[in-house]
Amino acid sequence: RVARKKVKDVMYKPTEGEKIDADATMGEAVHSLIIGHHQSLLVTKDSEIVGILRLVDVFKLLCDRVKKCRI
């Protein structure tokens, strides 16, 4: 039965708060992820989806920056 189910019947529709412009800063992105309790944000350019920013991507970026930091 599941194999015949339509994707549109089970998909999740993102809200406006789950989208961010490609030219937004990482600060804005982190704020949206934390405040909205999102695991990812759809990245848009001129109203077209051009990618996805995942929380794990942000975490990796921060870890890399911390590792490069001199103590």
Protein backbone atom coordinates (compact mmCIF):
# COMPACT_ATOMS: atom_id res chain seq x y z
CA ARG A 1 0.00 0.00 0.00
CA VAL A 2 2.76 2.43 0.82
CA ALA A 3 4.37 1.97 -2.60
CA ARG A 4 1.24 3.36 -4.24
CA LYS A 5 1.00 6.40 -1.98
CA LYS A 6 1.75 9.74 -3.61
CA VAL A 7 4.72 11.75 -2.39
CA LYS A 8 2.56 14.87 -2.15
CA ASP A 9 0.40 13.08 0.44
CA VAL A 10 3.28 12.55 2.86
CA MET A 11 5.73 15.35 2.08
CA TYR A 12 6.46 18.18 4.45
CA LYS A 13 5.81 21.69 3.16
CA PRO A 14 8.38 24.18 4.46
CA THR A 15 7.18 27.48 5.87
CA GLU A 16 8.58 30.90 4.91
CA GLY A 17 10.67 30.77 8.09
CA GLU A 18 12.49 27.74 6.72
CA LYS A 19 13.85 29.63 3.73
CA ILE A 20 16.84 31.94 3.61
CA ASP A 21 18.36 34.03 0.84
CA ALA A 22 21.70 32.84 -0.56
CA ASP A 23 23.23 36.24 0.24
CA ALA A 24 22.19 36.17 3.91
CA THR A 25 24.94 35.99 6.51
CA MET A 26 25.77 32.88 8.47
CA GLY A 27 24.68 34.81 11.55
CA GLU A 28 21.20 35.19 10.10
CA ALA A 29 21.14 31.52 9.14
CA VAL A 30 22.19 30.35 12.61
CA HIS A 31 19.58 32.64 14.16
CA SER A 32 16.84 31.17 11.92
CA LEU A 33 17.93 27.60 12.66
CA ILE A 34 17.98 28.13 16.43
CA ILE A 35 14.91 30.32 16.85
CA GLY A 36 12.82 28.21 14.48
CA HIS A 37 14.10 24.86 15.82
CA HIS A 38 14.85 23.83 12.22
CA GLN A 39 17.18 21.07 11.08
CA SER A 40 17.69 22.77 7.72
CA LEU A 41 16.86 25.83 5.66
CA LEU A 42 16.03 26.02 1.98
CA VAL A 43 18.43 28.46 0.31
CA THR A 44 16.82 30.70 -2.29
CA LYS A 45 18.04 33.10 -4.96
CA ASP A 46 15.43 35.21 -6.78
CA SER A 47 12.61 33.04 -5.34
CA GLU A 48 14.19 29.85 -6.73
CA ILE A 49 15.50 27.13 -4.43
CA VAL A 50 19.23 26.76 -5.09
CA GLY A 51 20.25 24.56 -2.17
CA ILE A 52 19.78 23.47 1.40
CA LEU A 53 21.69 24.53 4.49
CA ARG A 54 21.68 21.77 7.05
CA LEU A 55 22.36 22.21 10.75
CA VAL A 56 25.12 19.62 10.40
CA ASP A 57 26.81 21.83 7.75
CA VAL A 58 26.82 24.80 10.13
CA PHE A 59 28.16 22.62 12.96
CA LYS A 60 30.99 21.36 10.72
CA LEU A 61 31.91 24.92 9.72
CA LEU A 62 32.04 25.99 13.37
CA CYS A 63 34.12 22.94 14.35
CA ASP A 64 36.60 23.66 11.56
CA ARG A 65 36.92 27.27 12.69
CA VAL A 66 37.47 26.24 16.33
CA LYS A 67 40.17 23.74 15.29
CA LYS A 68 42.03 26.48 13.39
CA CYS A 69 41.88 28.80 16.38
CA ARG A 70 45.19 29.23 18.21
CA ILE A 71 45.05 28.91 21.97
